[in-house]
PDB file of all heavy atoms in Angstrom:
ATOM      1  N   GLY A   1       0.808  -1.212   0.001  1.00  0.00           N
ATOM      2  CA  GLY A   1       0.002  -0.001   0.001  1.00  0.00           C
ATOM      3  C   GLY A   1       0.839   1.262  -0.001  1.00  0.00           C
ATOM      4  O   GLY A   1       2.078   1.219  -0.086  1.00  0.00           O
ATOM      5  N   SER A   2       0.135   2.389   0.099  1.00  0.00           N
ATOM      6  CA  SER A   2       0.790   3.700   0.037  1.00  0.00           C
ATOM      7  C   SER A   2       0.309   4.601   1.166  1.00  0.00           C
ATOM      8  O   SER A   2      -0.814   4.464   1.649  1.00  0.00           O
ATOM      9  CB  SER A   2       0.478   4.387  -1.303  1.00  0.00           C
ATOM     10  OG  SER A   2       0.950   3.640  -2.397  1.00  0.00           O
ATOM     11  N   LEU A   3       1.193   5.505   1.545  1.00  0.00           N
ATOM     12  CA  LEU A   3       0.856   6.570   2.479  1.00  0.00           C
ATOM     13  C   LEU A   3       1.596   7.825   2.046  1.00  0.00           C
ATOM     14  O   LEU A   3       2.667   7.736   1.429  1.00  0.00           O
ATOM     15  CB  LEU A   3       1.273   6.220   3.909  1.00  0.00           C
ATOM     16  CG  LEU A   3       0.438   5.206   4.681  1.00  0.00           C
ATOM     17  CD1 LEU A   3       1.131   4.874   6.005  1.00  0.00           C
ATOM     18  CD2 LEU A   3      -0.964   5.714   4.932  1.00  0.00           C
ATOM     19  N   ARG A   4       1.042   8.976   2.425  1.00  0.00           N
ATOM     20  CA  ARG A   4       1.721  10.238   2.158  1.00  0.00           C
ATOM     21  C   ARG A   4       1.846  11.008   3.459  1.00  0.00           C
ATOM     22  O   ARG A   4       0.838  11.323   4.096  1.00  0.00           O
ATOM     23  CB  ARG A   4       0.944  11.072   1.147  1.00  0.00           C
ATOM     24  CG  ARG A   4       1.709  12.322   0.681  1.00  0.00           C
ATOM     25  CD  ARG A   4       0.812  13.211  -0.131  1.00  0.00           C
ATOM     26  NE  ARG A   4       1.560  14.239  -0.850  1.00  0.00           N
ATOM     27  CZ  ARG A   4       1.086  15.454  -1.130  1.00  0.00           C
ATOM     28  NH1 ARG A   4      -0.136  15.779  -0.738  1.00  0.00           N
ATOM     29  NH2 ARG A   4       1.813  16.328  -1.789  1.00  0.00           N
ATOM     30  N   LEU A   5       3.073  11.306   3.834  1.00  0.00           N
ATOM     31  CA  LEU A   5       3.340  12.085   5.037  1.00  0.00           C
ATOM     32  C   LEU A   5       3.530  13.557   4.660  1.00  0.00           C
ATOM     33  O   LEU A   5       4.072  13.871   3.602  1.00  0.00           O
ATOM     34  CB  LEU A   5       4.590  11.587   5.750  1.00  0.00           C
ATOM     35  CG  LEU A   5       4.638  10.103   6.109  1.00  0.00           C
ATOM     36  CD1 LEU A   5       5.936   9.793   6.864  1.00  0.00           C
ATOM     37  CD2 LEU A   5       3.438   9.696   6.917  1.00  0.00           C
ATOM     38  N   SER A   6       3.078  14.422   5.557  1.00  0.00           N
ATOM     39  CA  SER A   6       3.268  15.859   5.381  1.00  0.00           C
ATOM     40  C   SER A   6       3.852  16.436   6.653  1.00  0.00           C
ATOM     41  O   SER A   6       3.594  15.953   7.755  1.00  0.00           O
ATOM     42  CB  SER A   6       1.933  16.557   5.096  1.00  0.00           C
ATOM     43  OG  SER A   6       1.332  16.086   3.929  1.00  0.00           O
ATOM     44  N   CYS A   7       4.634  17.493   6.493  1.00  0.00           N
ATOM     45  CA  CYS A   7       5.223  18.180   7.645  1.00  0.00           C
ATOM     46  C   CYS A   7       5.235  19.664   7.326  1.00  0.00           C
ATOM     47  O   CYS A   7       5.933  20.100   6.404  1.00  0.00           O
ATOM     48  CB  CYS A   7       6.633  17.675   7.908  1.00  0.00           C
ATOM     49  SG  CYS A   7       7.494  18.554   9.232  1.00  0.00           S
ATOM     50  N   ALA A   8       4.459  20.423   8.090  1.00  0.00           N
ATOM     51  CA  ALA A   8       4.355  21.854   7.867  1.00  0.00           C
ATOM     52  C   ALA A   8       5.093  22.608   8.959  1.00  0.00           C
ATOM     53  O   ALA A   8       4.941  22.309  10.148  1.00  0.00           O
ATOM     54  CB  ALA A   8       2.888  22.280   7.847  1.00  0.00           C
ATOM     55  N   ALA A   9       5.890  23.575   8.544  1.00  0.00           N
ATOM     56  CA  ALA A   9       6.670  24.382   9.484  1.00  0.00           C
ATOM     57  C   ALA A   9       6.020  25.747   9.669  1.00  0.00           C
ATOM     58  O   ALA A   9       5.517  26.347   8.720  1.00  0.00           O
ATOM     59  CB  ALA A   9       8.090  24.551   8.969  1.00  0.00           C
ATOM     60  N   SER A  10       6.070  26.227  10.892  1.00  0.00           N
ATOM     61  CA  SER A  10       5.582  27.572  11.192  1.00  0.00           C
ATOM     62  C   SER A  10       6.539  28.240  12.165  1.00  0.00           C
ATOM     63  O   SER A  10       7.387  27.585  12.772  1.00  0.00           O
ATOM     64  CB  SER A  10       4.176  27.508  11.800  1.00  0.00           C
ATOM     65  OG  SER A  10       4.182  26.778  13.006  1.00  0.00           O
ATOM     66  N   GLY A  11       6.398  29.553  12.295  1.00  0.00           N
ATOM     67  CA  GLY A  11       7.298  30.297  13.165  1.00  0.00           C
ATOM     68  C   GLY A  11       8.355  31.019  12.341  1.00  0.00           C
ATOM     69  O   GLY A  11       8.046  31.581  11.300  1.00  0.00           O
ATOM     70  N   THR A  12       9.598  30.945  12.779  1.00  0.00           N
ATOM     71  CA  THR A  12      10.704  31.635  12.092  1.00  0.00           C
ATOM     72  C   THR A  12      11.170  30.774  10.927  1.00  0.00           C
ATOM     73  O   THR A  12      12.116  30.008  11.036  1.00  0.00           O
ATOM     74  CB  THR A  12      11.856  31.901  13.068  1.00  0.00           C
ATOM     75  OG1 THR A  12      11.359  32.549  14.228  1.00  0.00           O
ATOM     76  CG2 THR A  12      12.912  32.769  12.407  1.00  0.00           C
ATOM     77  N   THR A  13      10.491  30.903   9.816  1.00  0.00           N
ATOM     78  CA  THR A  13      10.747  30.008   8.679  1.00  0.00           C
ATOM     79  C   THR A  13      11.303  30.736   7.477  1.00  0.00           C
ATOM     80  O   THR A  13      11.302  30.196   6.374  1.00  0.00           O
ATOM     81  CB  THR A  13       9.440  29.310   8.273  1.00  0.00           C
ATOM     82  OG1 THR A  13       8.465  30.307   7.939  1.00  0.00           O
ATOM     83  CG2 THR A  13       8.908  28.425   9.383  1.00  0.00           C
ATOM     84  N   PHE A  14      11.828  31.944   7.654  1.00  0.00           N
ATOM     85  CA  PHE A  14      12.231  32.725   6.494  1.00  0.00           C
ATOM     86  C   PHE A  14      13.469  32.184   5.811  1.00  0.00           C
ATOM     87  O   PHE A  14      13.790  32.591   4.712  1.00  0.00           O
ATOM     88  CB  PHE A  14      12.448  34.187   6.894  1.00  0.00           C
ATOM     89  CG  PHE A  14      13.568  34.373   7.877  1.00  0.00           C
ATOM     90  CD1 PHE A  14      14.881  34.587   7.443  1.00  0.00           C
ATOM     91  CD2 PHE A  14      13.324  34.339   9.237  1.00  0.00           C
ATOM     92  CE1 PHE A  14      15.907  34.749   8.354  1.00  0.00           C
ATOM     93  CE2 PHE A  14      14.349  34.511  10.146  1.00  0.00           C
ATOM     94  CZ  PHE A  14      15.646  34.718   9.708  1.00  0.00           C
ATOM     95  N   SER A  15      14.176  31.249   6.455  1.00  0.00           N
ATOM     96  CA  SER A  15      15.405  30.741   5.850  1.00  0.00           C
ATOM     97  C   SER A  15      15.526  29.220   6.046  1.00  0.00           C
ATOM     98  O   SER A  15      16.528  28.749   6.562  1.00  0.00           O
ATOM     99  CB  SER A  15      16.617  31.449   6.454  1.00  0.00           C
ATOM    100  OG  SER A  15      17.807  31.054   5.775  1.00  0.00           O
ATOM    101  N   ILE A  16      14.499  28.512   5.622  1.00  0.00           N
ATOM    102  CA  ILE A  16      14.536  27.055   5.755  1.00  0.00           C
ATOM    103  C   ILE A  16      15.490  26.485   4.720  1.00  0.00           C
ATOM    104  O   ILE A  16      15.420  26.818   3.548  1.00  0.00           O
ATOM    105  CB  ILE A  16      13.145  26.449   5.563  1.00  0.00           C
ATOM    106  CG1 ILE A  16      12.223  26.883   6.690  1.00  0.00           C
ATOM    107  CG2 ILE A  16      13.230  24.924   5.524  1.00  0.00           C
ATOM    108  CD1 ILE A  16      10.802  26.360   6.560  1.00  0.00           C
ATOM    109  N   GLY A  17      16.379  25.633   5.158  1.00  0.00           N
ATOM    110  CA  GLY A  17      17.308  24.972   4.256  1.00  0.00           C
ATOM    111  C   GLY A  17      16.818  23.581   3.910  1.00  0.00           C
ATOM    112  O   GLY A  17      15.702  23.395   3.473  1.00  0.00           O
ATOM    113  N   THR A  18      17.663  22.606   4.161  1.00  0.00           N
ATOM    114  CA  THR A  18      17.312  21.233   3.851  1.00  0.00           C
ATOM    115  C   THR A  18      16.150  20.755   4.734  1.00  0.00           C
ATOM    116  O   THR A  18      16.088  21.071   5.918  1.00  0.00           O
ATOM    117  CB  THR A  18      18.525  20.327   4.038  1.00  0.00           C
ATOM    118  OG1 THR A  18      19.557  20.726   3.123  1.00  0.00           O
ATOM    119  CG2 THR A  18      18.173  18.861   3.789  1.00  0.00           C
ATOM    120  N   MET A  19      15.257  19.991   4.117  1.00  0.00           N
ATOM    121  CA  MET A  19      14.137  19.368   4.827  1.00  0.00           C
ATOM    122  C   MET A  19      14.240  17.870   4.610  1.00  0.00           C
ATOM    123  O   MET A  19      14.614  17.427   3.513  1.00  0.00           O
ATOM    124  CB  MET A  19      12.793  19.893   4.309  1.00  0.00           C
ATOM    125  CG  MET A  19      12.684  21.396   4.312  1.00  0.00           C
ATOM    126  SD  MET A  19      11.129  21.998   3.607  1.00  0.00           S
ATOM    127  CE  MET A  19      10.040  21.868   5.039  1.00  0.00           C
ATOM    128  N   GLY A  20      13.919  17.094   5.623  1.00  0.00           N
ATOM    129  CA  GLY A  20      14.093  15.660   5.464  1.00  0.00           C
ATOM    130  C   GLY A  20      13.171  14.843   6.340  1.00  0.00           C
ATOM    131  O   GLY A  20      12.459  15.365   7.198  1.00  0.00           O
ATOM    132  N   TRP A  21      13.199  13.547   6.077  1.00  0.00           N
ATOM    133  CA  TRP A  21      12.442  12.574   6.857  1.00  0.00           C
ATOM    134  C   TRP A  21      13.405  11.512   7.400  1.00  0.00           C
ATOM    135  O   TRP A  21      14.260  11.010   6.659  1.00  0.00           O
ATOM    136  CB  TRP A  21      11.377  11.901   6.004  1.00  0.00           C
ATOM    137  CG  TRP A  21      10.247  12.800   5.637  1.00  0.00           C
ATOM    138  CD1 TRP A  21      10.118  13.538   4.497  1.00  0.00           C
ATOM    139  CD2 TRP A  21       9.085  13.073   6.426  1.00  0.00           C
ATOM    140  NE1 TRP A  21       8.952  14.261   4.528  1.00  0.00           N
ATOM    141  CE2 TRP A  21       8.293  13.989   5.711  1.00  0.00           C
ATOM    142  CE3 TRP A  21       8.638  12.648   7.670  1.00  0.00           C
ATOM    143  CZ2 TRP A  21       7.075  14.477   6.187  1.00  0.00           C
ATOM    144  CZ3 TRP A  21       7.432  13.123   8.147  1.00  0.00           C
ATOM    145  CH2 TRP A  21       6.660  14.024   7.402  1.00  0.00           C
ATOM    146  N   TYR A  22      13.248  11.203   8.663  1.00  0.00           N
ATOM    147  CA  TYR A  22      13.988  10.147   9.324  1.00  0.00           C
ATOM    148  C   TYR A  22      12.965   9.160   9.886  1.00  0.00           C
ATOM    149  O   TYR A  22      11.781   9.475  10.014  1.00  0.00           O
ATOM    150  CB  TYR A  22      14.830  10.706  10.472  1.00  0.00           C
ATOM    151  CG  TYR A  22      16.017  11.520  10.033  1.00  0.00           C
ATOM    152  CD1 TYR A  22      15.861  12.773   9.447  1.00  0.00           C
ATOM    153  CD2 TYR A  22      17.310  11.026  10.196  1.00  0.00           C
ATOM    154  CE1 TYR A  22      16.967  13.514   9.039  1.00  0.00           C
ATOM    155  CE2 TYR A  22      18.410  11.760   9.792  1.00  0.00           C
ATOM    156  CZ  TYR A  22      18.239  13.000   9.216  1.00  0.00           C
ATOM    157  OH  TYR A  22      19.328  13.728   8.813  1.00  0.00           O
ATOM    158  N   ARG A  23      13.457   7.970  10.227  1.00  0.00           N
ATOM    159  CA  ARG A  23      12.562   7.008  10.869  1.00  0.00           C
ATOM    160  C   ARG A  23      13.325   6.228  11.931  1.00  0.00           C
ATOM    161  O   ARG A  23      14.549   6.078  11.848  1.00  0.00           O
ATOM    162  CB  ARG A  23      11.943   6.059   9.855  1.00  0.00           C
ATOM    163  CG  ARG A  23      12.920   5.116   9.175  1.00  0.00           C
ATOM    164  CD  ARG A  23      12.213   4.324   8.083  1.00  0.00           C
ATOM    165  NE  ARG A  23      13.112   3.389   7.407  1.00  0.00           N
ATOM    166  CZ  ARG A  23      12.771   2.688   6.330  1.00  0.00           C
ATOM    167  NH1 ARG A  23      11.548   2.809   5.798  1.00  0.00           N
ATOM    168  NH2 ARG A  23      13.644   1.861   5.775  1.00  0.00           N
ATOM    169  N   GLN A  24      12.568   5.748  12.907  1.00  0.00           N
ATOM    170  CA  GLN A  24      13.156   4.947  13.963  1.00  0.00           C
ATOM    171  C   GLN A  24      12.232   3.786  14.273  1.00  0.00           C
ATOM    172  O   GLN A  24      11.094   3.981  14.711  1.00  0.00           O
ATOM    173  CB  GLN A  24      13.399   5.786  15.220  1.00  0.00           C
ATOM    174  CG  GLN A  24      14.175   5.053  16.292  1.00  0.00           C
ATOM    175  CD  GLN A  24      14.679   5.992  17.373  1.00  0.00           C
ATOM    176  OE1 GLN A  24      14.199   7.108  17.537  1.00  0.00           O
ATOM    177  NE2 GLN A  24      15.676   5.529  18.128  1.00  0.00           N
ATOM    178  N   ALA A  25      12.739   2.585  14.040  1.00  0.00           N
ATOM    179  CA  ALA A  25      12.002   1.373  14.369  1.00  0.00           C
ATOM    180  C   ALA A  25      12.367   0.941  15.782  1.00  0.00           C
ATOM    181  O   ALA A  25      13.430   1.304  16.299  1.00  0.00           O
ATOM    182  CB  ALA A  25      12.346   0.279  13.367  1.00  0.00           C
ATOM    183  N   PRO A  26      11.515   0.150  16.431  1.00  0.00           N
ATOM    184  CA  PRO A  26      11.801  -0.296  17.796  1.00  0.00           C
ATOM    185  C   PRO A  26      13.148  -0.997  17.887  1.00  0.00           C
ATOM    186  O   PRO A  26      13.448  -1.881  17.083  1.00  0.00           O
ATOM    187  CB  PRO A  26      10.662  -1.261  18.095  1.00  0.00           C
ATOM    188  CG  PRO A  26       9.542  -0.791  17.240  1.00  0.00           C
ATOM    189  CD  PRO A  26      10.190  -0.297  15.978  1.00  0.00           C
ATOM    190  N   GLY A  27      13.970  -0.577  18.834  1.00  0.00           N
ATOM    191  CA  GLY A  27      15.260  -1.214  19.042  1.00  0.00           C
ATOM    192  C   GLY A  27      16.333  -0.822  18.053  1.00  0.00           C
ATOM    193  O   GLY A  27      17.437  -1.374  18.085  1.00  0.00           O
TER     194      GLY A  27
END
């Protein structure tokens, strides 16, 4: 199957550089 993740930034965002996704599985 498929999923789509989103991540929205707010606040002091005038100079956002690299954006990324990390994951952590149990253990």
